[in-house]
């Protein structure tokens, strides 16, 4: 049989093992609680951090969107100005052609109107020169 002293020794050893395990478990539980608190704090902060990062990304997106809108507006302005310049150029070319056509018509009309009197003057002069010795 097992003697009482052996039982007492085994019991004391088991109690010692249980106490060590309990202290180890308490330490593990304390670390787990610290980790849990740390994670909870990180989770509490994370939405703020994520919100801050989201706001920053959103602001950056808005700035990029505004720049793109400004660029589109500038392109529309340049294209509009190019159309106006193109139309003005076409108008100027049409005006130039019209002025050239009008100049030819006036030149022809002037030649026709002046040619008769000039020929008469020329004929009179020749007659005058032939009549005078």
N, C-alpha and C. Protein backbone atom coordinates (compact mmCIF):
# COMPACT_ATOMS: atom_id res chain seq x y z
N UNK A 1 0.78 -1.17 0.00
CA UNK A 1 0.00 0.00 0.00
C UNK A 1 0.83 1.25 0.00
N UNK A 2 0.15 2.23 -0.37
CA UNK A 2 0.84 3.51 -0.43
C UNK A 2 0.74 4.14 0.94
N UNK A 3 1.83 4.59 1.39
CA UNK A 3 1.88 5.19 2.71
C UNK A 3 1.31 6.59 2.66
N UNK A 4 0.84 7.02 3.79
CA UNK A 4 0.26 8.37 3.89
C UNK A 4 1.27 9.43 3.49
N UNK A 5 2.49 9.19 3.80
CA UNK A 5 3.51 10.18 3.44
C UNK A 5 3.66 10.26 1.93
N UNK A 6 3.53 9.14 1.26
CA UNK A 6 3.62 9.16 -0.20
C UNK A 6 2.42 9.91 -0.80
N UNK A 7 1.26 9.63 -0.18
CA UNK A 7 0.05 10.33 -0.64
C UNK A 7 0.21 11.82 -0.37
N UNK A 8 0.71 12.15 0.79
CA UNK A 8 0.91 13.57 1.12
C UNK A 8 1.91 14.20 0.16
N UNK A 9 2.97 13.46 -0.15
CA UNK A 9 3.99 13.98 -1.08
C UNK A 9 3.39 14.16 -2.48
N UNK A 10 2.65 13.16 -2.93
CA UNK A 10 2.02 13.23 -4.26
C UNK A 10 1.00 14.37 -4.30
N UNK A 11 0.25 14.46 -3.21
CA UNK A 11 -0.74 15.53 -3.11
C UNK A 11 -0.06 16.90 -3.09
N UNK A 12 1.00 17.03 -2.33
CA UNK A 12 1.74 18.30 -2.26
C UNK A 12 2.33 18.64 -3.62
N UNK A 13 2.84 17.62 -4.31
CA UNK A 13 3.41 17.84 -5.64
C UNK A 13 2.32 18.26 -6.62
N UNK A 14 1.18 17.58 -6.55
CA UNK A 14 0.06 17.93 -7.43
C UNK A 14 -0.45 19.32 -7.14
N UNK A 15 -0.56 19.65 -5.84
CA UNK A 15 -1.00 21.00 -5.46
C UNK A 15 0.01 22.02 -5.96
N UNK A 16 1.29 21.74 -5.84
CA UNK A 16 2.34 22.64 -6.34
C UNK A 16 2.23 22.81 -7.85
N UNK A 17 2.00 21.66 -8.55
CA UNK A 17 1.83 21.72 -10.02
C UNK A 17 0.61 22.56 -10.39
N UNK A 18 -0.48 22.31 -9.63
CA UNK A 18 -1.70 23.08 -9.90
C UNK A 18 -1.49 24.57 -9.64
N UNK A 19 -0.77 24.90 -8.56
CA UNK A 19 -0.51 26.31 -8.26
C UNK A 19 0.38 26.95 -9.34
N UNK A 20 1.39 26.22 -9.81
CA UNK A 20 2.24 26.73 -10.90
C UNK A 20 1.40 26.93 -12.17
N UNK A 21 0.56 25.92 -12.44
CA UNK A 21 -0.30 26.01 -13.62
C UNK A 21 -1.25 27.20 -13.49
N UNK A 22 -1.78 27.37 -12.24
CA UNK A 22 -2.70 28.48 -11.99
C UNK A 22 -1.99 29.81 -12.19
N UNK A 23 -0.76 29.95 -11.65
CA UNK A 23 0.00 31.19 -11.84
C UNK A 23 0.32 31.40 -13.31
N UNK A 24 0.70 30.34 -13.97
CA UNK A 24 0.99 30.42 -15.40
C UNK A 24 -0.27 30.83 -16.18
N UNK A 25 -1.39 30.21 -15.79
CA UNK A 25 -2.67 30.53 -16.42
C UNK A 25 -3.06 31.98 -16.13
N UNK A 26 -2.83 32.43 -14.89
CA UNK A 26 -3.13 33.82 -14.55
C UNK A 26 -2.25 34.78 -15.37
N UNK A 27 -0.97 34.44 -15.49
CA UNK A 27 -0.07 35.26 -16.31
C UNK A 27 -0.53 35.27 -17.78
N UNK A 28 -0.89 34.07 -18.25
CA UNK A 28 -1.37 33.97 -19.64
C UNK A 28 -2.65 34.77 -19.81
N UNK A 29 -3.55 34.67 -18.82
CA UNK A 29 -4.81 35.41 -18.85
C UNK A 29 -4.55 36.91 -18.82
N UNK A 30 -3.57 37.34 -17.99
CA UNK A 30 -3.22 38.76 -17.91
C UNK A 30 -2.68 39.24 -19.27
N UNK A 31 -1.79 38.43 -19.88
CA UNK A 31 -1.26 38.80 -21.21
C UNK A 31 -2.38 38.83 -22.24
N UNK A 32 -3.29 37.84 -22.14
CA UNK A 32 -4.43 37.79 -23.05
C UNK A 32 -5.31 39.03 -22.88
N UNK A 33 -5.52 39.44 -21.62
CA UNK A 33 -6.32 40.64 -21.36
C UNK A 33 -5.61 41.87 -21.91
N UNK A 34 -4.28 41.97 -21.70
CA UNK A 34 -3.52 43.09 -22.25
C UNK A 34 -3.62 43.11 -23.78
N UNK A 35 -3.44 41.92 -24.37
CA UNK A 35 -3.56 41.82 -25.84
C UNK A 35 -4.96 42.21 -26.30
N UNK A 36 -5.96 41.73 -25.54
CA UNK A 36 -7.34 42.04 -25.87
C UNK A 36 -7.59 43.54 -25.78
N UNK A 37 -7.09 44.15 -24.69
CA UNK A 37 -7.25 45.60 -24.52
C UNK A 37 -6.51 46.36 -25.62
N UNK A 38 -5.31 45.89 -25.95
CA UNK A 38 -4.53 46.53 -27.01
C UNK A 38 -5.25 46.41 -28.35
N UNK A 39 -5.77 45.22 -28.63
CA UNK A 39 -6.51 45.02 -29.89
C UNK A 39 -7.77 45.87 -29.90
N UNK A 40 -8.47 45.90 -28.77
CA UNK A 40 -9.68 46.72 -28.69
C UNK A 40 -9.33 48.19 -28.93
N UNK A 41 -8.24 48.65 -28.31
CA UNK A 41 -7.82 50.04 -28.50
C UNK A 41 -7.45 50.29 -29.97
N UNK A 42 -6.73 49.32 -30.55
CA UNK A 42 -6.38 49.46 -31.97
C UNK A 42 -7.63 49.48 -32.83
N UNK A 43 -8.60 48.63 -32.49
CA UNK A 43 -9.84 48.62 -33.25
C UNK A 43 -10.60 49.93 -33.08
N UNK A 44 -10.56 50.50 -31.88
CA UNK A 44 -11.19 51.80 -31.67
C UNK A 44 -10.50 52.88 -32.47
N UNK A 45 -9.18 52.80 -32.49
CA UNK A 45 -8.40 53.80 -33.23
C UNK A 45 -8.44 53.55 -34.73
N UNK A 46 -8.55 52.29 -35.10
CA UNK A 46 -8.50 51.96 -36.51
C UNK A 46 -9.58 52.68 -37.31
N UNK A 47 -10.82 52.70 -36.87
CA UNK A 47 -11.80 53.43 -37.66
C UNK A 47 -11.42 54.91 -37.82
N UNK A 48 -10.85 55.50 -36.75
CA UNK A 48 -10.40 56.89 -36.86
C UNK A 48 -9.29 56.97 -37.89
N UNK A 49 -8.35 56.06 -37.80
CA UNK A 49 -7.24 56.03 -38.74
C UNK A 49 -7.75 55.78 -40.14
N UNK A 50 -8.62 54.77 -40.24
CA UNK A 50 -9.18 54.47 -41.56
C UNK A 50 -10.02 55.63 -42.06
N UNK A 51 -10.77 56.25 -41.16
CA UNK A 51 -11.58 57.40 -41.55
C UNK A 51 -10.67 58.55 -42.01
N UNK A 52 -9.59 58.76 -41.27
CA UNK A 52 -8.64 59.80 -41.65
C UNK A 52 -8.02 59.48 -43.01
N UNK A 53 -7.61 58.22 -43.18
CA UNK A 53 -7.04 57.82 -44.47
C UNK A 53 -8.08 57.94 -45.58
N UNK A 54 -9.32 57.54 -45.28
CA UNK A 54 -10.39 57.64 -46.27
C UNK A 54 -10.64 59.10 -46.63
N UNK A 55 -10.70 59.96 -45.58
CA UNK A 55 -10.91 61.38 -45.84
C UNK A 55 -9.78 61.96 -46.67
N UNK A 56 -8.55 61.55 -46.34
CA UNK A 56 -7.39 62.01 -47.10
C UNK A 56 -7.48 61.54 -48.55
N UNK A 57 -7.80 60.26 -48.73
CA UNK A 57 -7.94 59.72 -50.08
C UNK A 57 -9.09 60.39 -50.81
N UNK A 58 -10.18 60.63 -50.08
CA UNK A 58 -11.35 61.29 -50.69
C UNK A 58 -11.00 62.71 -51.10
N UNK A 59 -10.28 63.44 -50.24
CA UNK A 59 -9.86 64.80 -50.57
C UNK A 59 -8.94 64.80 -51.79
N UNK A 60 -8.02 63.83 -51.80
CA UNK A 60 -7.11 63.73 -52.94
C UNK A 60 -7.90 63.41 -54.22
N UNK A 61 -8.87 62.52 -54.11
CA UNK A 61 -9.72 62.20 -55.26
C UNK A 61 -10.47 63.44 -55.72
N UNK A 62 -11.01 64.22 -54.76
CA UNK A 62 -11.72 65.45 -55.12
C UNK A 62 -10.79 66.44 -55.83
N UNK A 63 -9.54 66.56 -55.32
CA UNK A 63 -8.59 67.46 -55.96
C UNK A 63 -8.29 67.00 -57.38
N UNK A 64 -8.09 65.70 -57.54
CA UNK A 64 -7.84 65.16 -58.88
C UNK A 64 -9.05 65.39 -59.77
N UNK A 65 -10.25 65.14 -59.23
CA UNK A 65 -11.48 65.34 -60.01
C UNK A 65 -11.63 66.80 -60.41
N UNK A 66 -11.32 67.72 -59.48
CA UNK A 66 -11.39 69.15 -59.79
C UNK A 66 -10.38 69.52 -60.87
N UNK A 67 -9.17 68.94 -60.78
CA UNK A 67 -8.16 69.22 -61.80
C UNK A 67 -8.61 68.70 -63.15
N UNK A 68 -9.21 67.50 -63.15
CA UNK A 68 -9.72 66.94 -64.41
C UNK A 68 -10.85 67.80 -64.96
N UNK A 69 -11.74 68.27 -64.07
CA UNK A 69 -12.81 69.16 -64.52
C UNK A 69 -12.24 70.45 -65.10
N UNK A 70 -11.22 71.00 -64.43
CA UNK A 70 -10.58 72.21 -64.94
C UNK A 70 -9.91 71.95 -66.28
N UNK A 71 -9.27 70.79 -66.39
CA UNK A 71 -8.62 70.43 -67.65
C UNK A 71 -9.66 70.28 -68.76
N UNK A 72 -10.78 69.62 -68.45
CA UNK A 72 -11.86 69.49 -69.44
C UNK A 72 -12.38 70.86 -69.86
N UNK A 73 -12.57 71.73 -68.88
CA UNK A 73 -13.06 73.08 -69.16
C UNK A 73 -12.06 73.83 -70.04
N UNK A 74 -10.77 73.71 -69.71
CA UNK A 74 -9.73 74.36 -70.50
C UNK A 74 -9.73 73.82 -71.93
N UNK A 75 -9.86 72.49 -72.06
CA UNK A 75 -9.90 71.88 -73.40
C UNK A 75 -11.11 72.40 -74.17
N UNK A 76 -12.26 72.47 -73.49
CA UNK A 76 -13.46 73.01 -74.15
C UNK A 76 -13.22 74.45 -74.60
N UNK A 77 -12.55 75.24 -73.75
CA UNK A 77 -12.25 76.63 -74.09
C UNK A 77 -11.32 76.70 -75.30
N UNK A 78 -10.27 75.88 -75.27
CA UNK A 78 -9.31 75.87 -76.38
C UNK A 78 -9.99 75.42 -77.67
N UNK A 79 -10.78 74.35 -77.57
CA UNK A 79 -11.49 73.86 -78.76
C UNK A 79 -12.46 74.93 -79.26
N UNK A 80 -13.19 75.55 -78.33
CA UNK A 80 -14.10 76.63 -78.71
C UNK A 80 -13.36 77.78 -79.36
N UNK A 81 -12.22 78.16 -78.77
CA UNK A 81 -11.42 79.24 -79.34
C UNK A 81 -10.89 78.84 -80.71
N UNK A 82 -10.48 77.59 -80.85
CA UNK A 82 -9.99 77.11 -82.15
C UNK A 82 -11.10 77.15 -83.19
N UNK A 83 -12.31 76.79 -82.76
CA UNK A 83 -13.45 76.87 -83.68
C UNK A 83 -13.71 78.32 -84.07
N UNK A 84 -13.66 79.22 -83.08
CA UNK A 84 -13.87 80.64 -83.35
C UNK A 84 -12.78 81.15 -84.29
N UNK A 85 -11.52 80.78 -83.99
CA UNK A 85 -10.41 81.20 -84.84
C UNK A 85 -10.58 80.61 -86.23
N UNK A 86 -10.96 79.33 -86.29
CA UNK A 86 -11.18 78.69 -87.59
C UNK A 86 -12.29 79.38 -88.36
N UNK A 87 -13.39 79.68 -87.66
CA UNK A 87 -14.51 80.38 -88.30
C UNK A 87 -14.08 81.78 -88.71
N UNK A 88 -13.31 82.45 -87.84
CA UNK A 88 -12.83 83.80 -88.18
C UNK A 88 -11.90 83.74 -89.38
N UNK A 89 -11.05 82.72 -89.42
CA UNK A 89 -10.14 82.55 -90.56
C UNK A 89 -10.94 82.33 -91.83
N UNK A 90 -11.94 81.44 -91.74
CA UNK A 90 -12.79 81.20 -92.91
C UNK A 90 -13.51 82.47 -93.32
N UNK A 91 -14.01 83.22 -92.32
CA UNK A 91 -14.67 84.49 -92.62
C UNK A 91 -13.71 85.47 -93.29
N UNK A 92 -12.47 85.54 -92.75
CA UNK A 92 -11.47 86.44 -93.34
C UNK A 92 -11.13 86.01 -94.76
N UNK A 93 -10.98 84.70 -94.97
CA UNK A 93 -10.69 84.22 -96.31
C UNK A 93 -11.84 84.54 -97.26
N UNK A 94 -13.08 84.34 -96.77
CA UNK A 94 -14.25 84.66 -97.60
C UNK A 94 -14.29 86.16 -97.88
N UNK A 95 -14.01 86.98 -96.85
CA UNK A 95 -13.98 88.44 -97.04
C UNK A 95 -12.88 88.83 -98.03
N UNK A 96 -11.73 88.16 -97.94
CA UNK A 96 -10.62 88.44 -98.85
C UNK A 96 -11.02 88.10 -100.29
N UNK A 97 -11.64 86.94 -100.48
CA UNK A 97 -12.10 86.56 -101.82
C UNK A 97 -13.13 87.56 -102.34
N UNK A 98 -14.06 87.93 -101.45
CA UNK A 98 -15.09 88.91 -101.83
C UNK A 98 -14.46 90.25 -102.19
N UNK A 99 -13.50 90.70 -101.40
CA UNK A 99 -12.82 91.97 -101.68
C UNK A 99 -12.07 91.88 -103.00
N UNK A 100 -11.41 90.75 -103.25
CA UNK A 100 -10.67 90.56 -104.50
C UNK A 100 -11.64 90.58 -105.69
N UNK A 101 -12.76 89.90 -105.55
CA UNK A 101 -13.78 89.88 -106.61
C UNK A 101 -14.33 91.30 -106.83
N UNK A 102 -14.62 92.01 -105.73
CA UNK A 102 -15.11 93.39 -105.85
C UNK A 102 -14.08 94.29 -106.52
N UNK A 103 -12.80 94.08 -106.18
CA UNK A 103 -11.73 94.87 -106.79
C UNK A 103 -11.66 94.63 -108.29
N UNK A 104 -11.77 93.36 -108.71
CA UNK A 104 -11.76 93.04 -110.15
C UNK A 104 -12.96 93.68 -110.84
N UNK A 105 -14.13 93.57 -110.19
CA UNK A 105 -15.34 94.17 -110.78
C UNK A 105 -15.19 95.68 -110.90
N UNK A 106 -14.67 96.32 -109.83
CA UNK A 106 -14.48 97.77 -109.88
C UNK A 106 -13.45 98.16 -110.93
N UNK A 107 -12.39 97.34 -111.01
CA UNK A 107 -11.36 97.61 -112.01
C UNK A 107 -11.95 97.51 -113.42
N UNK A 108 -12.74 96.46 -113.64
CA UNK A 108 -13.39 96.29 -114.95
C UNK A 108 -14.35 97.44 -115.22
N UNK A 109 -15.15 97.79 -114.23
CA UNK A 109 -16.12 98.87 -114.39
C UNK A 109 -15.41 100.20 -114.64
N UNK A 110 -14.34 100.45 -113.88
CA UNK A 110 -13.59 101.69 -114.07
C UNK A 110 -12.95 101.73 -115.45
N UNK A 111 -12.41 100.61 -115.86
CA UNK A 111 -11.79 100.55 -117.18
C UNK A 111 -12.83 100.83 -118.26
N UNK A 112 -14.00 100.21 -118.11
CA UNK A 112 -15.06 100.42 -119.09
C UNK A 112 -15.53 101.87 -119.10
N UNK A 113 -15.68 102.47 -117.92
CA UNK A 113 -16.17 103.85 -117.83
C UNK A 113 -15.13 104.86 -118.29
N UNK A 114 -13.87 104.58 -118.04
CA UNK A 114 -12.82 105.54 -118.36
C UNK A 114 -12.31 105.33 -119.79
N UNK A 115 -12.45 104.12 -120.31
CA UNK A 115 -11.87 103.80 -121.61
C UNK A 115 -12.44 104.69 -122.72
N UNK A 116 -13.77 104.85 -122.71
CA UNK A 116 -14.39 105.70 -123.76
C UNK A 116 -13.86 107.12 -123.74
N UNK A 117 -13.95 107.83 -122.60
CA UNK A 117 -13.44 109.21 -122.57
C UNK A 117 -11.94 109.30 -122.85
N UNK A 118 -11.17 108.29 -122.41
CA UNK A 118 -9.73 108.32 -122.67
C UNK A 118 -9.47 108.18 -124.17
N UNK A 119 -10.21 107.30 -124.82
CA UNK A 119 -10.03 107.13 -126.26
C UNK A 119 -10.42 108.42 -127.00
N UNK A 120 -11.47 109.06 -126.52
CA UNK A 120 -11.87 110.33 -127.14
C UNK A 120 -10.76 111.37 -126.97
N UNK A 121 -10.21 111.45 -125.74
CA UNK A 121 -9.12 112.40 -125.49
C UNK A 121 -7.90 112.05 -126.35
N UNK A 122 -7.61 110.78 -126.44
CA UNK A 122 -6.47 110.34 -127.23
C UNK A 122 -6.69 110.69 -128.70
N UNK A 123 -7.92 110.47 -129.17
CA UNK A 123 -8.24 110.79 -130.57
C UNK A 123 -8.15 112.29 -130.80
N UNK A 124 -8.66 113.08 -129.86
CA UNK A 124 -8.58 114.53 -129.99
C UNK A 124 -7.13 115.00 -130.01
N UNK A 125 -6.34 114.42 -129.22
CA UNK A 125 -4.94 114.80 -129.17
C UNK A 125 -4.26 114.46 -130.48
N UNK A 126 -4.56 113.26 -130.99
CA UNK A 126 -3.95 112.89 -132.26
C UNK A 126 -4.42 113.84 -133.37
N UNK A 127 -5.70 114.15 -133.32
CA UNK A 127 -6.23 115.09 -134.32
C UNK A 127 -5.55 116.45 -134.17
N UNK A 128 -5.37 116.85 -132.94
CA UNK A 128 -4.74 118.14 -132.66
C UNK A 128 -3.29 118.13 -133.14
N UNK A 129 -2.60 117.03 -132.93
CA UNK A 129 -1.21 116.92 -133.34
C UNK A 129 -1.12 116.84 -134.88
N UNK A 130 -2.05 116.22 -135.49
CA UNK A 130 -2.02 116.10 -136.95
C UNK A 130 -2.41 117.43 -137.59
N UNK A 131 -3.26 118.14 -136.96
CA UNK A 131 -3.71 119.42 -137.50
C UNK A 131 -2.68 120.51 -137.32
N UNK A 132 -1.83 120.41 -136.38
CA UNK A 132 -0.82 121.43 -136.16
C UNK A 132 0.48 120.98 -136.81
N UNK A 133 1.04 121.89 -137.66
CA UNK A 133 2.30 121.56 -138.30
C UNK A 133 3.49 121.65 -137.43
